Amino acid sequence: MERKWEAKLKQIEERAACYERKPLSSVYRPRLSKPEEPPSIWKLFHRQTEAFNFVKSCKEDVHVFALEYKVGNGQRIYLVTTYTQLWFYYKSRKNLLHCYEVIPENAVCKLYFDLEFNKHANPEADGKKMVALLIEHVCKALQELYRVNCSAEDVFNLDSSTEEKFSRHLIFQLHDVAFKDNIHVGVYTRNRNFRLYKSSKIGKHVALEIAEDNKFFPKHSETVSEENQCFLSSLVSNVRFSDTLRILTCDTSQNKEKRIEYFSSTNTKAENIEGFHCSPYPEIDQFVLSLVNKNGIQGGIRRWSYFFPEELLVYDICKYRWCENIRRAHKSNNIMILVDLKNEVWYQKCHDPVCKAENFKSDCFPLPAEVGLLFLLKEEEEFTVTETMNSETENPHKPPSSTLSKGVASDADWDNGIDDTYFLEATEDAELAEAAENGLLSYYSGVDEIPDELILQVLQE
């Protein structure tokens, strides 16, 4: 018995020495090869809702993309990563061939069109002339309705036509101008999957490329390649907040019908908000109203805008003009309340020209705990946990589907004496991690790529 114990102890010491020489890494994530590149975030989900919830929990500037992985039924998985990270793996176009931008519902976005017609059913149709005519009329309407100057040189024209179908994507690159959301663009109300530049539909071999009659070219940059510039320009939801940005709205009959008195059931009276009657975060709307209803002043929210890249809610305030910069109310210019959802703070900015010239921004103040994202997501997370537990009743050792990865032993498992099996698995994991660090991705493609096959393998596991 004593000899058996000594042999066991020696074996453990040898393993400990091995782990000291090659320590176990954290959960593996694909990483950029250059140390100056940003940290890697690359997470896959079965459900779009889970992907967006993860985005809300991230402090990093991440976005949701859809990846097609089954021919015929159009099934997709959802990837959360940064623009930089995606481009790093996407740029060679050897892998990640079937990707879509998910345009968030309610988020500020560019004006865009998805155009197509069947060539055989329309033999007399001249697609190029029709596109040119559409661009001309849209530019004319933007000038007449919004005083926005643009031309064909401001329209990124992408083509994925085949022998059977004429297909174009038009993305307007308007200077300091964007639309409030998909509804005001008139396209879709739900989270829209919009095919990425250079991607093809699964089972097809025609990628979305720059059209030969395209007249838009991104500005030259010393730090960003032209191809990367084109990629960023093609992203519909890639709209950043600035004090000079104009948010356009379009009063459709649908929007007019949805105009209702904001929080009419409360004692706080606020002006109607264009489009939907509240933002995606009504609890935060109520908090902002509480900020502008005090000292006998009945302020309100004239309009809200949501910037997905920054996770920023911008509220244009009416009937309340107190400015932290001048420590009094402006006589005629209104203020803005901005809520940074990533950092869970709010601050005030101004429409006043003097305050804008000074680039004024008030101090940041924390959001109340009851309107923080962790609190708002609590019920949804509890529902997800319950759903996961129910789905795992038959197989309690199966990991949640949102991880898309093999399960590992919990701390309780280790404490319960399940040792040798997990020691062996840990050794294998360490070897796999080391192999990945030494160029597992290069083994698949010759460059630092994440191949579609690897993503599919992870999904199947």
Protein backbone atom coordinates (compact mmCIF):
# COMPACT_ATOMS: atom_id res chain seq x y z
CA MET A 1 0.00 0.00 0.00
CA GLU A 2 2.85 2.34 0.92
CA ARG A 3 4.65 1.66 -2.39
CA LYS A 4 1.45 2.33 -4.32
CA TRP A 5 1.07 5.65 -2.52
CA GLU A 6 4.70 6.60 -3.21
CA ALA A 7 4.23 5.79 -6.92
CA LYS A 8 1.07 7.91 -7.01
CA LEU A 9 2.83 10.80 -5.28
CA LYS A 10 5.76 10.59 -7.70
CA GLN A 11 3.35 10.63 -10.64
CA ILE A 12 1.65 13.76 -9.30
CA GLU A 13 5.01 15.48 -8.75
CA GLU A 14 6.04 14.70 -12.32
CA ARG A 15 2.77 16.16 -13.64
CA ALA A 16 3.17 19.24 -11.46
CA ALA A 17 6.68 19.77 -12.85
CA CYS A 18 5.30 19.34 -16.37
CA TYR A 19 2.62 21.98 -15.75
CA GLU A 20 5.23 24.36 -14.33
CA ARG A 21 7.22 24.05 -17.56
CA LYS A 22 4.07 24.31 -19.71
CA PRO A 23 1.35 26.00 -17.63
CA LEU A 24 -2.27 25.50 -18.62
CA SER A 25 -3.62 28.40 -20.64
CA SER A 26 -6.98 30.03 -20.07
CA VAL A 27 -9.91 29.13 -22.31
CA TYR A 28 -8.54 29.25 -25.84
CA ARG A 29 -9.53 32.15 -28.06
CA PRO A 30 -8.09 32.87 -31.48
CA ARG A 31 -5.58 35.69 -31.16
CA LEU A 32 -3.97 38.09 -33.54
CA SER A 33 -0.35 37.33 -34.23
CA LYS A 34 0.96 40.84 -33.62
CA PRO A 35 1.25 42.04 -30.02
CA GLU A 36 0.19 45.57 -31.02
CA GLU A 37 -3.18 44.30 -32.25
CA PRO A 38 -6.23 44.58 -29.93
CA PRO A 39 -7.16 41.68 -27.62
CA SER A 40 -9.14 38.93 -29.24
CA ILE A 41 -12.90 38.55 -28.82
CA TRP A 42 -14.32 35.76 -30.94
CA LYS A 43 -17.43 34.12 -29.57
CA LEU A 44 -20.05 32.02 -31.36
CA PHE A 45 -23.74 31.62 -30.48
CA HIS A 46 -26.62 29.53 -31.78
CA ARG A 47 -29.13 32.32 -31.17
CA GLN A 48 -29.09 35.93 -32.26
CA THR A 49 -30.57 37.09 -28.94
CA GLU A 50 -27.73 35.47 -27.01
CA ALA A 51 -25.19 37.20 -29.26
CA PHE A 52 -26.72 40.64 -28.67
CA ASN A 53 -26.94 40.03 -24.93
CA PHE A 54 -23.23 39.18 -24.92
CA VAL A 55 -22.51 42.42 -26.83
CA LYS A 56 -24.37 44.38 -24.15
CA SER A 57 -22.22 42.77 -21.46
CA CYS A 58 -18.94 43.63 -23.24
CA LYS A 59 -16.94 46.77 -22.60
CA GLU A 60 -15.14 46.32 -25.92
CA ASP A 61 -16.46 47.66 -29.24
CA VAL A 62 -17.89 44.40 -30.57
CA HIS A 63 -20.52 43.62 -33.20
CA VAL A 64 -22.74 40.75 -34.31
CA PHE A 65 -22.21 38.89 -37.58
CA ALA A 66 -24.03 35.88 -39.01
CA LEU A 67 -22.23 32.91 -40.60
CA GLU A 68 -24.07 30.49 -42.89
CA TYR A 69 -23.10 26.89 -42.24
CA LYS A 70 -25.70 24.59 -43.85
CA VAL A 71 -26.56 24.39 -47.52
CA GLY A 72 -30.25 24.44 -48.38
CA ASN A 73 -31.91 25.51 -45.13
CA GLY A 74 -29.96 28.73 -44.55
CA GLN A 75 -29.02 27.93 -40.94
CA ARG A 76 -26.66 30.42 -39.35
CA ILE A 77 -24.57 30.83 -36.27
CA TYR A 78 -23.78 34.23 -34.80
CA LEU A 79 -20.31 35.60 -34.25
CA VAL A 80 -19.43 38.43 -31.87
CA THR A 81 -16.14 40.15 -32.54
CA THR A 82 -14.61 43.54 -33.37
CA TYR A 83 -14.36 45.04 -36.84
CA THR A 84 -10.57 44.81 -36.59
CA GLN A 85 -10.57 41.18 -35.50
CA LEU A 86 -13.00 40.11 -38.20
CA TRP A 87 -11.06 41.91 -40.94
CA PHE A 88 -7.81 40.29 -39.78
CA TYR A 89 -9.21 36.82 -40.49
CA TYR A 90 -11.56 37.84 -43.30
CA LYS A 91 -9.29 39.87 -45.57
CA SER A 92 -7.61 37.03 -47.49
CA ARG A 93 -11.00 35.55 -48.45
CA LYS A 94 -9.68 32.03 -48.15
CA ASN A 95 -12.05 31.30 -45.27
CA LEU A 96 -15.16 32.81 -43.67
CA LEU A 97 -16.77 32.94 -47.09
CA HIS A 98 -20.44 33.32 -46.16
CA CYS A 99 -20.77 36.19 -43.69
CA TYR A 100 -23.48 38.75 -42.95
CA GLU A 101 -23.59 41.96 -40.96
CA VAL A 102 -26.47 41.93 -38.48
CA ILE A 103 -27.92 45.45 -38.52
CA PRO A 104 -29.29 46.02 -35.00
CA GLU A 105 -32.93 46.92 -34.65
CA ASN A 106 -33.43 50.55 -33.48
CA ALA A 107 -29.79 51.49 -34.20
CA VAL A 108 -28.71 54.52 -36.24
CA CYS A 109 -27.69 53.34 -39.70
CA LYS A 110 -26.72 54.39 -43.20
CA LEU A 111 -29.24 54.59 -46.04
CA TYR A 112 -29.01 51.36 -48.03
CA PHE A 113 -30.80 49.38 -50.72
CA ASP A 114 -30.89 45.70 -51.68
CA LEU A 115 -31.86 45.57 -55.38
CA GLU A 116 -32.53 42.57 -57.59
CA PHE A 117 -34.62 41.27 -60.48
CA ASN A 118 -34.83 38.13 -62.57
CA LYS A 119 -33.09 38.68 -65.90
CA HIS A 120 -35.06 36.05 -67.81
CA ALA A 121 -38.37 37.52 -66.67
CA ASN A 122 -37.20 41.04 -67.55
CA PRO A 123 -35.17 40.68 -70.78
CA GLU A 124 -35.52 44.36 -71.73
CA ALA A 125 -34.40 45.69 -68.33
CA ASP A 126 -31.07 47.52 -68.20
CA GLY A 127 -29.88 47.03 -64.62
CA LYS A 128 -27.09 49.60 -64.73
CA LYS A 129 -29.34 52.33 -66.08
CA MET A 130 -32.01 51.49 -63.53
CA VAL A 131 -29.46 51.74 -60.68
CA ALA A 132 -28.16 55.06 -61.99
CA LEU A 133 -31.72 56.39 -62.23
CA LEU A 134 -32.56 55.25 -58.70
CA ILE A 135 -29.43 56.92 -57.29
CA GLU A 136 -30.29 60.13 -59.14
CA HIS A 137 -33.84 60.21 -57.75
CA VAL A 138 -32.76 59.34 -54.19
CA CYS A 139 -30.11 62.08 -54.23
CA LYS A 140 -32.74 64.53 -55.49
CA ALA A 141 -35.16 63.50 -52.72
CA LEU A 142 -32.46 63.85 -50.04
CA GLN A 143 -31.80 67.39 -51.26
CA GLU A 144 -35.47 68.37 -51.42
CA LEU A 145 -36.55 66.78 -48.14
CA TYR A 146 -33.46 67.15 -45.95
CA ARG A 147 -31.15 69.62 -47.74
CA VAL A 148 -28.53 66.87 -47.98
CA ASN A 149 -26.17 67.13 -50.95
CA CYS A 150 -24.99 63.87 -52.46
CA SER A 151 -24.30 62.21 -55.80
CA ALA A 152 -23.34 58.84 -57.25
CA GLU A 153 -19.85 59.44 -55.87
CA ASP A 154 -21.33 59.05 -52.36
CA VAL A 155 -22.91 55.66 -53.07
CA PHE A 156 -20.94 52.43 -52.58
CA ASN A 157 -22.22 50.22 -55.40
CA LEU A 158 -21.69 46.46 -54.87
CA ASP A 159 -22.59 43.74 -57.37
CA SER A 160 -23.32 40.01 -57.05
CA SER A 161 -25.22 39.46 -60.29
CA THR A 162 -25.42 36.09 -62.04
CA GLU A 163 -26.68 34.90 -65.42
CA GLU A 164 -30.15 34.53 -63.93
CA LYS A 165 -30.38 37.44 -61.49
CA PHE A 166 -29.33 41.08 -61.36
CA SER A 167 -28.30 41.89 -57.77
CA ARG A 168 -26.88 45.08 -56.24
CA HIS A 169 -26.29 46.56 -52.80
CA LEU A 170 -26.18 50.36 -52.52
CA ILE A 171 -24.80 51.92 -49.32
CA PHE A 172 -24.95 55.73 -49.11
CA GLN A 173 -21.87 57.33 -47.55
CA LEU A 174 -23.45 60.63 -46.47
CA HIS A 175 -21.14 63.09 -44.71
CA ASP A 176 -22.28 63.66 -41.11
CA VAL A 177 -25.75 62.32 -41.95
CA ALA A 178 -27.46 59.05 -41.02
CA PHE A 179 -30.94 57.69 -40.46
CA LYS A 180 -32.51 57.05 -37.09
CA ASP A 181 -32.93 53.31 -37.72
CA ASN A 182 -34.13 50.66 -40.15
CA ILE A 183 -37.73 51.79 -39.85
CA HIS A 184 -36.93 55.28 -41.04
CA VAL A 185 -34.85 53.88 -43.87
CA GLY A 186 -38.02 51.95 -44.86
CA VAL A 187 -36.41 48.49 -45.21
CA TYR A 188 -36.92 46.29 -42.22
CA THR A 189 -37.94 46.49 -38.61
CA ARG A 190 -36.14 43.45 -37.25
CA ASN A 191 -32.41 42.74 -36.97
CA ARG A 192 -31.47 42.54 -40.65
CA ASN A 193 -28.80 40.16 -42.01
CA PHE A 194 -27.01 42.03 -44.79
CA ARG A 195 -24.34 40.16 -46.75
CA LEU A 196 -20.79 41.40 -46.27
CA TYR A 197 -18.61 42.84 -48.98
CA LYS A 198 -16.61 39.97 -50.56
CA SER A 199 -18.96 37.27 -49.20
CA SER A 200 -21.13 34.85 -51.17
CA LYS A 201 -24.26 32.96 -50.21
CA ILE A 202 -23.58 29.40 -49.14
CA GLY A 203 -23.85 27.03 -52.09
CA LYS A 204 -23.19 29.94 -54.47
CA HIS A 205 -19.91 31.08 -55.97
CA VAL A 206 -20.65 34.73 -56.69
CA ALA A 207 -19.29 37.11 -54.07
CA LEU A 208 -20.44 40.68 -53.46
CA GLU A 209 -17.81 42.75 -55.28
CA ILE A 210 -17.41 46.40 -56.25
CA ALA A 211 -19.59 47.06 -59.29
CA GLU A 212 -17.88 48.17 -62.47
CA ASP A 213 -20.08 51.30 -62.53
CA ASN A 214 -19.30 52.16 -58.88
CA LYS A 215 -18.21 55.79 -58.45
CA PHE A 216 -17.49 55.81 -54.71
CA PHE A 217 -13.93 55.48 -53.46
CA PRO A 218 -12.90 55.83 -49.80
CA LYS A 219 -10.48 58.52 -48.76
CA HIS A 220 -6.83 57.57 -48.77
CA SER A 221 -5.44 56.60 -45.37
CA GLU A 222 -1.84 56.08 -44.28
CA THR A 223 -2.84 53.55 -41.63
CA VAL A 224 -5.82 51.69 -43.15
CA SER A 225 -5.59 49.82 -46.44
CA GLU A 226 -7.98 50.62 -49.27
CA GLU A 227 -9.57 47.18 -49.01
CA ASN A 228 -10.15 47.64 -45.29
CA GLN A 229 -11.62 51.08 -45.98
CA CYS A 230 -14.03 49.52 -48.48
CA PHE A 231 -15.00 46.87 -45.94
CA LEU A 232 -15.71 49.48 -43.25
CA SER A 233 -17.65 51.64 -45.73
CA SER A 234 -19.86 48.70 -46.64
CA LEU A 235 -21.00 48.19 -43.02
CA VAL A 236 -24.46 49.71 -42.70
CA SER A 237 -24.41 50.07 -38.90
CA ASN A 238 -20.89 51.53 -38.79
CA VAL A 239 -22.08 55.01 -37.79
CA ARG A 240 -20.25 56.87 -35.05
CA PHE A 241 -21.72 59.59 -32.87
CA SER A 242 -20.50 63.15 -33.28
CA ASP A 243 -21.91 66.55 -32.33
CA THR A 244 -22.22 67.45 -36.01
CA LEU A 245 -24.03 64.27 -37.07
CA ARG A 246 -27.57 64.85 -38.36
CA ILE A 247 -30.10 62.12 -37.64
CA LEU A 248 -32.77 61.93 -40.35
CA THR A 249 -36.27 60.58 -39.85
CA CYS A 250 -38.96 59.65 -42.35
CA ASP A 251 -42.61 60.12 -41.38
CA THR A 252 -44.31 57.08 -42.84
CA SER A 253 -47.95 56.31 -42.09
CA GLN A 254 -46.73 53.47 -39.87
CA ASN A 255 -44.70 55.89 -37.76
CA LYS A 256 -47.57 58.36 -37.50
CA GLU A 257 -49.88 55.65 -36.18
CA LYS A 258 -47.33 54.73 -33.53
CA ARG A 259 -47.00 58.25 -32.16
CA ILE A 260 -48.53 58.14 -28.69
CA GLU A 261 -48.23 60.21 -25.54
CA TYR A 262 -44.96 59.19 -23.88
CA PHE A 263 -45.51 57.58 -20.49
CA SER A 264 -49.07 58.95 -20.50
CA SER A 265 -49.92 56.75 -17.54
CA THR A 266 -47.51 58.65 -15.29
CA ASN A 267 -47.60 62.18 -13.90
CA THR A 268 -44.57 63.04 -16.03
CA LYS A 269 -45.66 64.53 -19.32
CA ALA A 270 -43.17 64.48 -22.18
CA GLU A 271 -43.38 65.33 -25.84
CA ASN A 272 -43.91 62.56 -28.37
CA ILE A 273 -40.87 60.75 -29.67
CA GLU A 274 -40.64 60.22 -33.39
CA GLY A 275 -41.04 56.64 -34.55
CA PHE A 276 -41.52 54.20 -31.70
CA HIS A 277 -42.72 55.72 -28.43
CA CYS A 278 -39.68 54.64 -26.43
CA SER A 279 -36.09 53.54 -26.89
CA PRO A 280 -34.93 49.90 -26.55
CA TYR A 281 -34.40 50.73 -22.84
CA PRO A 282 -37.63 52.25 -21.43
CA GLU A 283 -36.25 52.14 -17.87
CA ILE A 284 -33.43 54.43 -18.97
CA ASP A 285 -35.95 56.66 -20.77
CA GLN A 286 -37.79 57.07 -17.47
CA PHE A 287 -34.54 57.89 -15.67
CA VAL A 288 -33.67 60.57 -18.27
CA LEU A 289 -37.14 62.06 -17.85
CA SER A 290 -36.52 62.29 -14.12
CA LEU A 291 -33.37 64.32 -14.83
CA VAL A 292 -35.24 66.95 -16.85
CA ASN A 293 -38.33 67.19 -14.67
CA LYS A 294 -37.30 69.10 -11.57
CA ASN A 295 -37.32 72.54 -9.99
CA GLY A 296 -40.71 73.22 -11.48
CA ILE A 297 -39.52 72.60 -15.06
CA GLN A 298 -41.40 70.04 -17.16
CA GLY A 299 -38.81 68.81 -19.65
CA GLY A 300 -39.23 65.99 -22.10
CA ILE A 301 -37.53 63.78 -24.66
CA ARG A 302 -37.95 65.13 -28.17
CA ARG A 303 -36.10 62.27 -29.82
CA TRP A 304 -33.72 59.45 -29.02
CA SER A 305 -31.02 57.90 -31.21
CA TYR A 306 -29.12 54.68 -30.59
CA PHE A 307 -25.53 54.25 -31.81
CA PHE A 308 -24.69 50.57 -31.82
CA PRO A 309 -20.87 50.81 -32.25
CA GLU A 310 -20.55 52.84 -29.04
CA GLU A 311 -23.60 51.36 -27.28
CA LEU A 312 -24.68 54.98 -26.84
CA LEU A 313 -28.18 56.37 -26.34
CA VAL A 314 -28.46 60.06 -27.28
CA TYR A 315 -31.53 61.96 -26.06
CA ASP A 316 -32.47 65.33 -27.54
CA ILE A 317 -34.17 67.18 -24.70
CA CYS A 318 -36.96 69.72 -25.04
CA LYS A 319 -38.28 72.38 -22.60
CA TYR A 320 -35.27 71.88 -20.32
CA ARG A 321 -32.09 73.81 -21.18
CA TRP A 322 -29.95 73.73 -18.05
CA CYS A 323 -26.30 73.44 -19.10
CA GLU A 324 -23.46 72.38 -16.81
CA ASN A 325 -21.03 74.41 -18.89
CA ILE A 326 -22.53 77.86 -18.22
CA ARG A 327 -24.27 76.79 -14.99
CA ARG A 328 -27.60 78.14 -16.15
CA ALA A 329 -30.27 77.46 -18.76
CA HIS A 330 -29.64 78.42 -22.37
CA LYS A 331 -32.09 80.97 -23.71
CA SER A 332 -32.88 79.17 -26.95
CA ASN A 333 -30.58 76.19 -27.54
CA ASN A 334 -31.48 72.73 -26.26
CA ILE A 335 -29.27 70.18 -24.55
CA MET A 336 -28.58 66.47 -24.99
CA ILE A 337 -28.38 63.70 -22.41
CA LEU A 338 -26.05 60.87 -23.47
CA VAL A 339 -26.12 57.45 -21.81
CA ASP A 340 -23.03 55.27 -22.26
CA LEU A 341 -24.38 51.75 -21.85
CA LYS A 342 -20.96 50.08 -21.90
CA ASN A 343 -19.62 52.08 -18.97
CA GLU A 344 -23.05 52.64 -17.38
CA VAL A 345 -22.67 56.40 -17.04
CA TRP A 346 -24.52 59.45 -18.36
CA TYR A 347 -23.40 62.96 -19.24
CA GLN A 348 -24.69 66.15 -20.85
CA LYS A 349 -23.73 67.89 -24.08
CA CYS A 350 -25.11 70.92 -25.86
CA HIS A 351 -26.56 72.10 -29.17
CA ASP A 352 -25.35 75.62 -28.34
CA PRO A 353 -22.65 76.79 -30.85
CA VAL A 354 -20.38 78.15 -28.10
CA CYS A 355 -20.54 74.92 -26.10
CA LYS A 356 -19.93 72.94 -29.28
CA ALA A 357 -16.91 75.07 -30.16
CA GLU A 358 -15.47 74.37 -26.71
CA ASN A 359 -16.23 70.65 -27.23
CA PHE A 360 -18.03 70.74 -23.90
CA LYS A 361 -18.95 67.53 -22.17
CA SER A 362 -20.09 67.42 -18.57
CA ASP A 363 -18.67 65.11 -15.93
CA CYS A 364 -19.84 61.50 -16.14
CA PHE A 365 -22.35 60.33 -13.55
CA PRO A 366 -23.15 56.67 -12.81
CA LEU A 367 -26.50 55.25 -13.81
CA PRO A 368 -28.67 54.06 -10.93
CA ALA A 369 -28.26 50.36 -10.26
CA GLU A 370 -31.87 49.64 -11.21
CA VAL A 371 -31.30 50.81 -14.79
CA GLY A 372 -27.87 49.22 -15.25
CA LEU A 373 -27.55 46.58 -17.94
CA LEU A 374 -26.79 43.83 -15.45
CA PHE A 375 -30.06 44.55 -13.70
CA LEU A 376 -32.06 44.87 -16.94
CA LEU A 377 -30.66 41.58 -18.26
CA LYS A 378 -31.19 39.71 -15.00
CA GLU A 379 -34.66 38.37 -15.78
CA GLU A 380 -33.63 37.36 -19.30
CA GLU A 381 -30.50 35.63 -17.99
CA GLU A 382 -32.56 33.78 -15.38
CA PHE A 383 -34.90 32.62 -18.12
CA THR A 384 -31.94 31.47 -20.23
CA VAL A 385 -30.45 29.56 -17.29
CA THR A 386 -33.79 27.88 -16.60
CA GLU A 387 -34.16 26.98 -20.26
CA THR A 388 -30.63 25.57 -20.35
CA MET A 389 -31.18 23.51 -17.19
CA ASN A 390 -34.39 22.10 -18.64
CA SER A 391 -32.65 21.20 -21.88
CA GLU A 392 -29.86 19.47 -19.95
CA THR A 393 -32.14 17.33 -17.78
CA GLU A 394 -31.58 14.28 -19.98
CA ASN A 395 -27.83 14.89 -20.23
CA PRO A 396 -26.65 16.99 -17.26
CA HIS A 397 -23.01 16.94 -18.41
CA LYS A 398 -23.78 18.64 -21.77
CA PRO A 399 -22.51 22.27 -21.85
CA PRO A 400 -24.84 25.21 -22.72
CA SER A 401 -25.26 25.53 -26.47
CA SER A 402 -24.20 29.17 -26.48
CA THR A 403 -20.61 28.21 -25.67
CA LEU A 404 -20.27 26.05 -28.77
CA SER A 405 -17.35 24.29 -27.15
CA LYS A 406 -16.61 21.09 -25.23
CA GLY A 407 -17.35 21.08 -21.53
CA VAL A 408 -14.64 21.10 -18.88
CA ALA A 409 -14.69 19.81 -15.32
CA SER A 410 -16.07 22.11 -12.65
CA ASP A 411 -14.28 22.89 -9.38
CA ALA A 412 -16.71 20.56 -7.64
CA ASP A 413 -15.73 17.71 -9.95
CA TRP A 414 -12.08 18.15 -9.03
CA ASP A 415 -12.90 18.27 -5.31
CA ASN A 416 -14.97 15.10 -5.61
CA GLY A 417 -11.92 13.07 -6.55
CA ILE A 418 -12.42 12.68 -10.30
CA ASP A 419 -8.72 13.09 -10.85
CA ASP A 420 -6.92 10.82 -13.29
CA THR A 421 -9.38 11.24 -16.15
CA TYR A 422 -9.35 15.04 -15.88
CA PHE A 423 -5.57 15.09 -15.38
CA LEU A 424 -5.28 13.30 -18.71
CA GLU A 425 -7.79 15.64 -20.37
CA ALA A 426 -5.97 18.66 -18.95
CA THR A 427 -2.70 17.38 -20.40
CA GLU A 428 -4.33 16.95 -23.79
CA ASP A 429 -5.86 20.44 -23.55
CA ALA A 430 -2.45 21.89 -22.75
CA GLU A 431 -0.98 20.17 -25.79
CA LEU A 432 -3.83 21.42 -27.99
CA ALA A 433 -3.42 24.94 -26.66
CA GLU A 434 0.32 24.78 -27.33
CA ALA A 435 -0.36 23.52 -30.85
CA ALA A 436 -2.76 26.39 -31.40
CA GLU A 437 -0.20 28.89 -30.12
CA ASN A 438 2.39 27.46 -32.51
CA GLY A 439 0.25 27.95 -35.55
CA LEU A 440 -2.76 25.66 -35.69
CA LEU A 441 -4.51 28.23 -37.88
CA SER A 442 -1.56 28.42 -40.23
CA TYR A 443 -1.75 24.65 -40.61
CA TYR A 444 -5.21 24.98 -42.10
CA SER A 445 -4.71 27.90 -44.49
CA GLY A 446 -1.09 28.97 -44.71
CA VAL A 447 -1.94 32.29 -43.03
CA ASP A 448 -3.42 33.32 -39.69
CA GLU A 449 -7.00 32.44 -40.62
CA ILE A 450 -9.91 30.79 -38.86
CA PRO A 451 -11.23 28.32 -41.46
CA ASP A 452 -14.91 27.61 -41.97
CA GLU A 453 -14.17 23.93 -41.33
CA LEU A 454 -12.87 24.71 -37.84
CA ILE A 455 -15.98 26.76 -37.04
CA LEU A 456 -18.17 23.91 -38.29
CA GLN A 457 -16.20 21.40 -36.22
CA VAL A 458 -16.71 23.52 -33.10
CA LEU A 459 -20.40 23.81 -33.87
CA GLN A 460 -20.83 20.06 -34.30
CA GLU A 461 -19.00 19.37 -31.04
